[in-house]
Amino acid sequence: MKVVLATHNPHKVAEFQQIVASARPDLEIVAYDGPEPVEDGVTFAENALLKARAASAHTGLAALADDSGICVDVLGGSPGVFSAYWAGQRKDAAANLELLLDQLRDIADPHRTAHFTSVIALVTPDGAEHVVEGIWPGRLAAAASGGGGFGYDPIFIPDDQPAGEERTVGDFSDAEKQAQSHRARAFTELVPLLSTL
């Protein structure tokens, strides 16, 4: 059975396929080739549903969509849904990271708490809609570290590390990130819903 993933990013398709395979090996995740909807929601859930609805309507298949970002406590939860556009409409990951570091330059370590959020929406052709969420708590480093990951990964230090470790997600292997991330946590919540397909 095919399920469309509302993204044009082949890396995301491969990642979703890898995770879904363990729960439902009969499901094939396919990339979305249709128009992208305007993401004008003000929450992760609203944007994920916008994308999943558009993909399902365009393809006639059940559709999955992910919306995610980083939420910084001292900034009232920002960048949040604006994570990809924090430094402007160009979606420049390096500029986004640099701006966030600059905004937190004088904030002491105990107040640099943050979390990654991932919301995954599942929309079926019959109109059923489900939303799951994964949260990855941590704090932000004062400078980028590591060559792995993308986006804000090089400054995010997850809470759930062995005692004495202070690595950013940029220092993680792909396998470590996939096992612990906000997206992996959302997938865990998604698995029971896949059984309804």
Protein backbone atom coordinates (compact mmCIF):
# COMPACT_ATOMS: atom_id res chain seq x y z
CA MET A 1 0.00 0.00 0.00
CA LYS A 2 1.30 3.46 -0.90
CA VAL A 3 1.24 6.46 1.43
CA VAL A 4 2.33 9.84 0.12
CA LEU A 5 4.66 12.00 2.19
CA ALA A 6 3.96 15.70 1.69
CA THR A 7 7.51 16.71 0.83
CA HIS A 8 9.70 17.15 -2.23
CA ASN A 9 12.75 16.18 -0.13
CA PRO A 10 13.96 12.65 -1.06
CA HIS A 11 15.97 12.41 2.19
CA LYS A 12 12.80 12.84 4.25
CA VAL A 13 11.06 10.18 2.14
CA ALA A 14 13.89 7.72 2.79
CA GLU A 15 13.89 8.53 6.52
CA PHE A 16 10.12 8.01 6.82
CA GLN A 17 10.33 4.76 4.83
CA GLN A 18 13.05 3.43 7.11
CA ILE A 19 11.07 4.12 10.27
CA VAL A 20 7.68 3.01 8.92
CA ALA A 21 9.16 -0.25 7.57
CA SER A 22 9.63 -1.70 11.03
CA ALA A 23 5.98 -1.18 11.93
CA ARG A 24 4.31 -1.69 8.56
CA PRO A 25 6.63 -3.31 5.99
CA ASP A 26 3.73 -3.42 3.51
CA LEU A 27 3.55 0.41 3.37
CA GLU A 28 5.51 2.21 0.68
CA ILE A 29 6.24 5.88 1.34
CA VAL A 30 6.21 7.88 -1.90
CA ALA A 31 7.24 11.48 -2.54
CA TYR A 32 4.66 14.16 -3.24
CA ASP A 33 4.91 15.69 -6.71
CA GLY A 34 2.09 18.23 -6.48
CA PRO A 35 1.89 21.91 -5.60
CA GLU A 36 2.91 23.02 -2.12
CA PRO A 37 0.17 24.71 -0.10
CA VAL A 38 0.78 28.04 1.61
CA GLU A 39 1.80 27.22 5.18
CA ASP A 40 -0.16 29.97 6.87
CA GLY A 41 -0.99 28.10 10.06
CA VAL A 42 0.19 29.48 13.39
CA THR A 43 0.87 26.08 14.95
CA PHE A 44 2.85 23.03 13.88
CA ALA A 45 -0.39 21.01 13.78
CA GLU A 46 -2.14 23.48 11.49
CA ASN A 47 0.75 23.48 9.01
CA ALA A 48 1.15 19.69 9.08
CA LEU A 49 -2.57 19.26 8.38
CA LEU A 50 -2.47 21.82 5.54
CA LYS A 51 0.30 19.83 3.84
CA ALA A 52 -1.25 16.40 4.45
CA ARG A 53 -4.69 17.50 3.21
CA ALA A 54 -3.20 18.95 0.02
CA ALA A 55 -1.16 15.81 -0.67
CA SER A 56 -4.08 13.47 -0.05
CA ALA A 57 -6.44 15.55 -2.22
CA HIS A 58 -3.89 15.74 -5.05
CA THR A 59 -2.95 12.04 -5.08
CA GLY A 60 -6.03 10.27 -3.73
CA LEU A 61 -3.75 8.45 -1.26
CA ALA A 62 -3.40 8.54 2.50
CA ALA A 63 -0.89 11.29 3.25
CA LEU A 64 1.64 12.04 5.96
CA ALA A 65 3.11 15.49 6.62
CA ASP A 66 5.60 16.71 9.19
CA ASP A 67 6.01 20.23 10.53
CA SER A 68 8.77 20.87 13.01
CA GLY A 69 11.01 23.48 14.57
CA ILE A 70 12.90 24.64 17.62
CA CYS A 71 11.20 26.39 20.53
CA VAL A 72 13.33 28.50 22.89
CA ASP A 73 11.84 29.12 26.33
CA VAL A 74 13.38 32.56 26.94
CA LEU A 75 11.98 33.66 23.55
CA GLY A 76 8.46 32.60 24.49
CA GLY A 77 8.63 29.48 22.30
CA SER A 78 10.07 31.19 19.22
CA PRO A 79 11.23 30.58 16.55
CA GLY A 80 8.63 27.76 16.68
CA VAL A 81 6.65 27.51 13.44
CA PHE A 82 8.90 30.22 11.99
CA SER A 83 12.10 28.21 12.52
CA ALA A 84 12.85 27.82 8.80
CA TYR A 85 12.26 31.55 8.18
CA TRP A 86 13.76 33.04 11.36
CA ALA A 87 16.27 35.18 9.44
CA GLY A 88 13.95 35.90 6.49
CA GLN A 89 12.06 34.30 3.63
CA ARG A 90 15.18 32.81 2.00
CA LYS A 91 15.08 29.78 4.35
CA ASP A 92 18.82 30.22 4.99
CA ALA A 93 19.72 27.66 7.68
CA ALA A 94 23.11 29.23 8.47
CA ALA A 95 21.58 32.70 8.81
CA ASN A 96 18.77 31.34 11.02
CA LEU A 97 21.28 29.68 13.35
CA GLU A 98 23.52 32.76 13.49
CA LEU A 99 20.59 35.06 14.29
CA LEU A 100 19.36 32.80 17.09
CA LEU A 101 22.85 32.60 18.61
CA ASP A 102 23.13 36.39 18.44
CA GLN A 103 19.75 36.85 20.14
CA LEU A 104 20.86 34.58 23.00
CA ARG A 105 24.42 35.93 23.25
CA ASP A 106 23.97 37.38 26.77
CA ILE A 107 21.68 34.64 28.11
CA ALA A 108 23.32 32.44 30.77
CA ASP A 109 23.38 28.67 30.31
CA PRO A 110 20.63 27.83 32.84
CA HIS A 111 18.21 30.02 30.84
CA ARG A 112 19.05 28.59 27.40
CA THR A 113 16.47 25.78 27.64
CA ALA A 114 14.72 24.78 24.44
CA HIS A 115 13.07 21.86 22.73
CA PHE A 116 12.58 20.54 19.23
CA THR A 117 8.97 19.80 18.28
CA SER A 118 7.75 17.56 15.47
CA VAL A 119 4.10 17.22 14.57
CA ILE A 120 3.05 14.58 12.05
CA ALA A 121 -0.39 14.65 10.45
CA LEU A 122 -2.04 11.65 8.80
CA VAL A 123 -4.95 12.37 6.44
CA THR A 124 -6.81 9.59 4.62
CA PRO A 125 -8.85 9.91 1.40
CA ASP A 126 -12.07 9.40 3.36
CA GLY A 127 -11.31 12.56 5.35
CA ALA A 128 -10.05 11.04 8.61
CA GLU A 129 -7.36 13.18 10.25
CA HIS A 130 -4.88 12.34 13.00
CA VAL A 131 -2.11 14.41 14.56
CA VAL A 132 0.77 13.21 16.76
CA GLU A 133 3.57 15.16 18.43
CA GLY A 134 7.12 14.47 19.54
CA ILE A 135 9.15 16.71 21.87
CA TRP A 136 12.95 16.56 22.37
CA PRO A 137 14.00 18.69 25.38
CA GLY A 138 17.41 20.26 25.82
CA ARG A 139 19.23 23.56 25.75
CA LEU A 140 21.24 25.66 23.34
CA ALA A 141 25.03 25.85 23.18
CA ALA A 142 26.80 29.20 22.92
CA ALA A 143 28.48 28.13 19.66
CA ALA A 144 27.90 25.57 16.93
CA SER A 145 29.59 22.19 17.22
CA GLY A 146 29.83 19.15 14.97
CA GLY A 147 29.38 18.60 11.28
CA GLY A 148 26.30 16.41 11.36
CA GLY A 149 22.60 17.14 11.17
CA PHE A 150 21.15 20.31 9.72
CA GLY A 151 19.33 23.47 10.74
CA TYR A 152 19.67 24.12 14.46
CA ASP A 153 21.22 20.71 15.24
CA PRO A 154 24.77 22.08 15.78
CA ILE A 155 23.62 24.22 18.74
CA PHE A 156 21.05 21.88 20.35
CA ILE A 157 22.26 19.87 23.38
CA PRO A 158 19.66 17.19 24.24
CA ASP A 159 18.88 16.55 27.91
CA ASP A 160 18.86 12.76 27.58
CA GLN A 161 22.59 12.10 27.25
CA PRO A 162 24.79 9.93 29.44
CA ALA A 163 26.18 11.70 32.51
CA GLY A 164 29.02 14.02 31.63
CA GLU A 165 28.22 14.28 27.92
CA GLU A 166 27.47 17.70 26.46
CA ARG A 167 27.28 16.92 22.75
CA THR A 168 25.14 18.84 20.29
CA VAL A 169 23.04 16.98 17.75
CA GLY A 170 25.65 18.14 15.24
CA ASP A 171 28.04 15.77 17.04
CA PHE A 172 25.60 12.83 16.84
CA SER A 173 25.75 10.06 14.26
CA ASP A 174 22.73 9.75 11.96
CA ALA A 175 21.70 6.59 13.83
CA GLU A 176 21.85 8.34 17.22
CA LYS A 177 19.76 11.24 15.96
CA GLN A 178 17.14 9.01 14.32
CA ALA A 179 16.77 6.98 17.51
CA GLN A 180 16.24 9.96 19.84
CA SER A 181 14.94 12.91 17.85
CA HIS A 182 11.64 14.74 18.09
CA ARG A 183 10.65 13.15 14.77
CA ALA A 184 11.44 9.66 16.11
CA ARG A 185 9.30 10.40 19.17
CA ALA A 186 6.42 11.52 16.96
CA PHE A 187 6.82 8.36 14.85
CA THR A 188 6.40 6.27 18.00
CA GLU A 189 3.00 7.91 18.49
CA LEU A 190 2.19 7.43 14.81
CA VAL A 191 2.77 3.65 14.66
CA PRO A 192 -0.63 2.66 16.19
CA LEU A 193 -2.38 4.90 13.64
CA LEU A 194 -0.64 3.15 10.75
CA SER A 195 -2.42 -0.05 11.72
CA THR A 196 -5.72 1.63 10.75
CA LEU A 197 -4.63 2.01 7.11
